C-alpha atoms as a PDB file:
ATOM      1  CA  UNK A   1     -49.515  22.868  -0.972  1.00  0.00           C
ATOM      2  CA  UNK A   2     -47.675  19.754  -1.437  1.00  0.00           C
ATOM      3  CA  UNK A   3     -48.957  16.141  -2.819  1.00  0.00           C
ATOM      4  CA  UNK A   4     -46.561  13.383  -2.018  1.00  0.00           C
ATOM      5  CA  UNK A   5     -45.757  11.889  -5.252  1.00  0.00           C
ATOM      6  CA  UNK A   6     -47.498   8.310  -4.505  1.00  0.00           C
ATOM      7  CA  UNK A   7     -50.506  10.366  -3.911  1.00  0.00           C
ATOM      8  CA  UNK A   8     -51.262   9.389  -0.425  1.00  0.00           C
ATOM      9  CA  UNK A   9     -50.469  12.624   1.449  1.00  0.00           C
ATOM     10  CA  UNK A  10     -50.811  16.488   1.127  1.00  0.00           C
ATOM     11  CA  UNK A  11     -49.325  19.088   2.944  1.00  0.00           C
ATOM     12  CA  UNK A  12     -51.504  22.330   2.486  1.00  0.00           C
ATOM     13  CA  UNK A  13     -52.040  25.678   4.600  1.00  0.00           C
ATOM     14  CA  UNK A  14     -54.475  25.285   7.282  1.00  0.00           C
ATOM     15  CA  UNK A  15     -56.810  28.264   6.066  1.00  0.00           C
ATOM     16  CA  UNK A  16     -60.709  27.675   5.164  1.00  0.00           C
ATOM     17  CA  UNK A  17     -59.223  28.292   1.223  1.00  0.00           C
ATOM     18  CA  UNK A  18     -58.131  25.079   1.399  1.00  0.00           C
ATOM     19  CA  UNK A  19     -61.402  22.693   2.646  1.00  0.00           C
ATOM     20  CA  UNK A  20     -62.131  22.449  -1.299  1.00  0.00           C
ATOM     21  CA  UNK A  21     -59.080  21.249  -2.577  1.00  0.00           C
ATOM     22  CA  UNK A  22     -58.998  18.597   0.384  1.00  0.00           C
ATOM     23  CA  UNK A  23     -62.360  17.520  -0.236  1.00  0.00           C
ATOM     24  CA  UNK A  24     -61.650  16.909  -3.992  1.00  0.00           C
ATOM     25  CA  UNK A  25     -58.521  15.026  -2.719  1.00  0.00           C
ATOM     26  CA  UNK A  26     -60.050  12.781  -0.436  1.00  0.00           C
ATOM     27  CA  UNK A  27     -62.889  12.279  -2.920  1.00  0.00           C
ATOM     28  CA  UNK A  28     -60.598  11.206  -5.977  1.00  0.00           C
ATOM     29  CA  UNK A  29     -58.701   8.941  -3.679  1.00  0.00           C
ATOM     30  CA  UNK A  30     -61.695   7.046  -2.313  1.00  0.00           C
ATOM     31  CA  UNK A  31     -63.661   6.972  -5.841  1.00  0.00           C
ATOM     32  CA  UNK A  32     -60.465   5.226  -7.210  1.00  0.00           C
ATOM     33  CA  UNK A  33     -60.788   2.156  -4.404  1.00  0.00           C
ATOM     34  CA  UNK A  34     -64.791   2.205  -5.833  1.00  0.00           C
ATOM     35  CA  UNK A  35     -66.008   3.896  -2.180  1.00  0.00           C
ATOM     36  CA  UNK A  36     -70.046   3.889  -2.393  1.00  0.00           C
ATOM     37  CA  UNK A  37     -71.497   6.960  -1.537  1.00  0.00           C
ATOM     38  CA  UNK A  38     -73.217   6.710   2.174  1.00  0.00           C
ATOM     39  CA  UNK A  39     -69.464   6.298   3.420  1.00  0.00           C
ATOM     40  CA  UNK A  40     -67.668   8.744   1.107  1.00  0.00           C
ATOM     41  CA  UNK A  41     -70.363  11.577   2.127  1.00  0.00           C
ATOM     42  CA  UNK A  42     -69.771  10.642   5.988  1.00  0.00           C
ATOM     43  CA  UNK A  43     -65.829  10.989   5.627  1.00  0.00           C
ATOM     44  CA  UNK A  44     -65.946  14.111   3.945  1.00  0.00           C
ATOM     45  CA  UNK A  45     -68.187  15.790   6.333  1.00  0.00           C
ATOM     46  CA  UNK A  46     -65.630  14.182   8.872  1.00  0.00           C
ATOM     47  CA  UNK A  47     -62.851  15.074   6.896  1.00  0.00           C
ATOM     48  CA  UNK A  48     -64.094  18.770   6.869  1.00  0.00           C
ATOM     49  CA  UNK A  49     -65.108  19.093  10.748  1.00  0.00           C
ATOM     50  CA  UNK A  50     -61.369  17.912  11.810  1.00  0.00           C
ATOM     51  CA  UNK A  51     -59.986  20.215   9.238  1.00  0.00           C
ATOM     52  CA  UNK A  52     -61.894  23.368  10.525  1.00  0.00           C
ATOM     53  CA  UNK A  53     -61.286  22.384  14.088  1.00  0.00           C
ATOM     54  CA  UNK A  54     -57.217  22.861  12.652  1.00  0.00           C
ATOM     55  CA  UNK A  55     -58.007  26.146  11.793  1.00  0.00           C
ATOM     56  CA  UNK A  56     -59.588  27.218  14.297  1.00  0.00           C
ATOM     57  CA  UNK A  57     -57.666  25.885  17.538  1.00  0.00           C
ATOM     58  CA  UNK A  58     -54.178  24.803  16.279  1.00  0.00           C
ATOM     59  CA  UNK A  59     -52.849  27.752  14.803  1.00  0.00           C
ATOM     60  CA  UNK A  60     -55.207  30.923  15.573  1.00  0.00           C
ATOM     61  CA  UNK A  61     -54.262  34.038  14.755  1.00  0.00           C
ATOM     62  CA  UNK A  62     -51.527  32.461  12.560  1.00  0.00           C
ATOM     63  CA  UNK A  63     -51.250  30.258   9.900  1.00  0.00           C
ATOM     64  CA  UNK A  64     -49.723  26.912   9.909  1.00  0.00           C
ATOM     65  CA  UNK A  65     -49.330  24.038   7.649  1.00  0.00           C
ATOM     66  CA  UNK A  66     -51.703  20.694   8.323  1.00  0.00           C
ATOM     67  CA  UNK A  67     -50.445  17.372   6.497  1.00  0.00           C
ATOM     68  CA  UNK A  68     -53.147  14.750   5.892  1.00  0.00           C
ATOM     69  CA  UNK A  69     -52.355  10.883   4.998  1.00  0.00           C
ATOM     70  CA  UNK A  70     -54.688   8.867   3.537  1.00  0.00           C
ATOM     71  CA  UNK A  71     -54.264   4.889   3.924  1.00  0.00           C
ATOM     72  CA  UNK A  72     -56.702   1.935   2.179  1.00  0.00           C
ATOM     73  CA  UNK A  73     -56.737  -1.367   3.551  1.00  0.00           C
ATOM     74  CA  UNK A  74     -58.159  -3.976   1.273  1.00  0.00           C
ATOM     75  CA  UNK A  75     -58.620  -6.699   4.600  1.00  0.00           C
ATOM     76  CA  UNK A  76     -61.418  -5.509   5.636  1.00  0.00           C
ATOM     77  CA  UNK A  77     -61.676  -2.706   3.018  1.00  0.00           C
ATOM     78  CA  UNK A  78     -61.038   0.312   5.093  1.00  0.00           C
ATOM     79  CA  UNK A  79     -59.771   3.793   4.987  1.00  0.00           C
ATOM     80  CA  UNK A  80     -57.451   5.677   8.023  1.00  0.00           C
ATOM     81  CA  UNK A  81     -57.280   9.256   7.216  1.00  0.00           C
ATOM     82  CA  UNK A  82     -54.059  11.461   9.858  1.00  0.00           C
ATOM     83  CA  UNK A  83     -54.218  14.528  10.622  1.00  0.00           C
ATOM     84  CA  UNK A  84     -51.099  16.202  11.850  1.00  0.00           C
ATOM     85  CA  UNK A  85     -50.704  19.639  12.849  1.00  0.00           C
ATOM     86  CA  UNK A  86     -47.480  21.483  15.157  1.00  0.00           C
ATOM     87  CA  UNK A  87     -50.099  23.819  16.416  1.00  0.00           C
ATOM     88  CA  UNK A  88     -51.200  24.186  20.302  1.00  0.00           C
ATOM     89  CA  UNK A  89     -52.350  20.737  21.533  1.00  0.00           C
ATOM     90  CA  UNK A  90     -55.627  20.546  21.332  1.00  0.00           C
ATOM     91  CA  UNK A  91     -57.656  17.051  22.066  1.00  0.00           C
ATOM     92  CA  UNK A  92     -60.771  17.651  20.635  1.00  0.00           C
ATOM     93  CA  UNK A  93     -61.638  13.997  22.262  1.00  0.00           C
ATOM     94  CA  UNK A  94     -61.109  14.799  25.873  1.00  0.00           C
ATOM     95  CA  UNK A  95     -63.992  16.933  25.714  1.00  0.00           C
ATOM     96  CA  UNK A  96     -67.638  15.867  27.152  1.00  0.00           C
ATOM     97  CA  UNK A  97     -69.522  14.743  23.828  1.00  0.00           C
ATOM     98  CA  UNK A  98     -72.221  18.167  22.971  1.00  0.00           C
ATOM     99  CA  UNK A  99     -75.530  17.395  24.723  1.00  0.00           C
ATOM    100  CA  UNK A 100     -77.768  17.028  21.687  1.00  0.00           C
ATOM    101  CA  UNK A 101     -81.193  17.172  23.757  1.00  0.00           C
ATOM    102  CA  UNK A 102     -83.273  20.199  25.118  1.00  0.00           C
ATOM    103  CA  UNK A 103     -82.107  24.118  25.631  1.00  0.00           C
ATOM    104  CA  UNK A 104     -78.357  23.490  25.810  1.00  0.00           C
ATOM    105  CA  UNK A 105     -78.361  22.207  22.271  1.00  0.00           C
ATOM    106  CA  UNK A 106     -79.935  25.684  20.988  1.00  0.00           C
ATOM    107  CA  UNK A 107     -78.047  27.469  23.310  1.00  0.00           C
ATOM    108  CA  UNK A 108     -74.603  26.453  23.544  1.00  0.00           C
ATOM    109  CA  UNK A 109     -72.709  25.787  19.949  1.00  0.00           C
ATOM    110  CA  UNK A 110     -69.610  23.857  19.686  1.00  0.00           C
ATOM    111  CA  UNK A 111     -68.696  19.846  19.835  1.00  0.00           C
ATOM    112  CA  UNK A 112     -71.417  18.865  17.594  1.00  0.00           C
ATOM    113  CA  UNK A 113     -68.698  18.629  14.616  1.00  0.00           C
ATOM    114  CA  UNK A 114     -66.526  15.760  16.513  1.00  0.00           C
ATOM    115  CA  UNK A 115     -69.774  14.265  17.882  1.00  0.00           C
ATOM    116  CA  UNK A 116     -70.663  13.820  14.292  1.00  0.00           C
ATOM    117  CA  UNK A 117     -67.040  12.497  13.779  1.00  0.00           C
ATOM    118  CA  UNK A 118     -67.262   9.853  16.211  1.00  0.00           C
ATOM    119  CA  UNK A 119     -70.506   8.923  15.571  1.00  0.00           C
ATOM    120  CA  UNK A 120     -69.994   7.716  11.951  1.00  0.00           C
ATOM    121  CA  UNK A 121     -66.459   6.707  11.916  1.00  0.00           C
ATOM    122  CA  UNK A 122     -65.507   2.893  13.455  1.00  0.00           C
ATOM    123  CA  UNK A 123     -62.282   4.966  14.912  1.00  0.00           C
ATOM    124  CA  UNK A 124     -61.173   7.983  16.530  1.00  0.00           C
ATOM    125  CA  UNK A 125     -57.981   8.425  17.798  1.00  0.00           C
ATOM    126  CA  UNK A 126     -55.595  11.570  19.458  1.00  0.00           C
ATOM    127  CA  UNK A 127     -52.022  11.757  20.485  1.00  0.00           C
ATOM    128  CA  UNK A 128     -49.897  14.498  20.756  1.00  0.00           C
ATOM    129  CA  UNK A 129     -46.483  13.469  20.228  1.00  0.00           C
ATOM    130  CA  UNK A 130     -43.016  15.175  19.205  1.00  0.00           C
ATOM    131  CA  UNK A 131     -44.663  18.512  19.110  1.00  0.00           C
ATOM    132  CA  UNK A 132     -47.907  17.620  16.930  1.00  0.00           C
ATOM    133  CA  UNK A 133     -51.340  16.955  17.129  1.00  0.00           C
ATOM    134  CA  UNK A 134     -52.407  13.474  15.714  1.00  0.00           C
ATOM    135  CA  UNK A 135     -55.786  12.509  14.937  1.00  0.00           C
ATOM    136  CA  UNK A 136     -56.697   9.422  13.099  1.00  0.00           C
ATOM    137  CA  UNK A 137     -60.126   8.182  11.688  1.00  0.00           C
ATOM    138  CA  UNK A 138     -60.927   4.729  10.646  1.00  0.00           C
ATOM    139  CA  UNK A 139     -64.301   4.041   8.592  1.00  0.00           C
ATOM    140  CA  UNK A 140     -64.605   0.521   7.088  1.00  0.00           C
ATOM    141  CA  UNK A 141     -65.961   0.470   3.682  1.00  0.00           C
END
């Protein structure tokens, strides 16, 4: 694991044991900007869902690295978090949204985390560039 000197990014193994560290990193960064409880919880949940997707789809069965960058803009106050990995190309936004109604919701797991991210963030974007999956989320604070 490596934190940038300015404290805005980390490079970390894409494994479940890294989730708590990432959550603490995000929480400390956002609290330093006075982020309120509700958006903080939404952002942390989105970060966990996205990181679990990296663990599950980018490298399995191997282990690779994930890069996470956090930037805060002040006019208006917002946070953008960028996730990068060099794993297999995987666009979580390309899948149809999970069906949350009726029987399908109970029988077919999957896709609900990304739906949650889409519904709680103000912007979600994906691109595959230079051999890397790049997913960004933005939340107005």
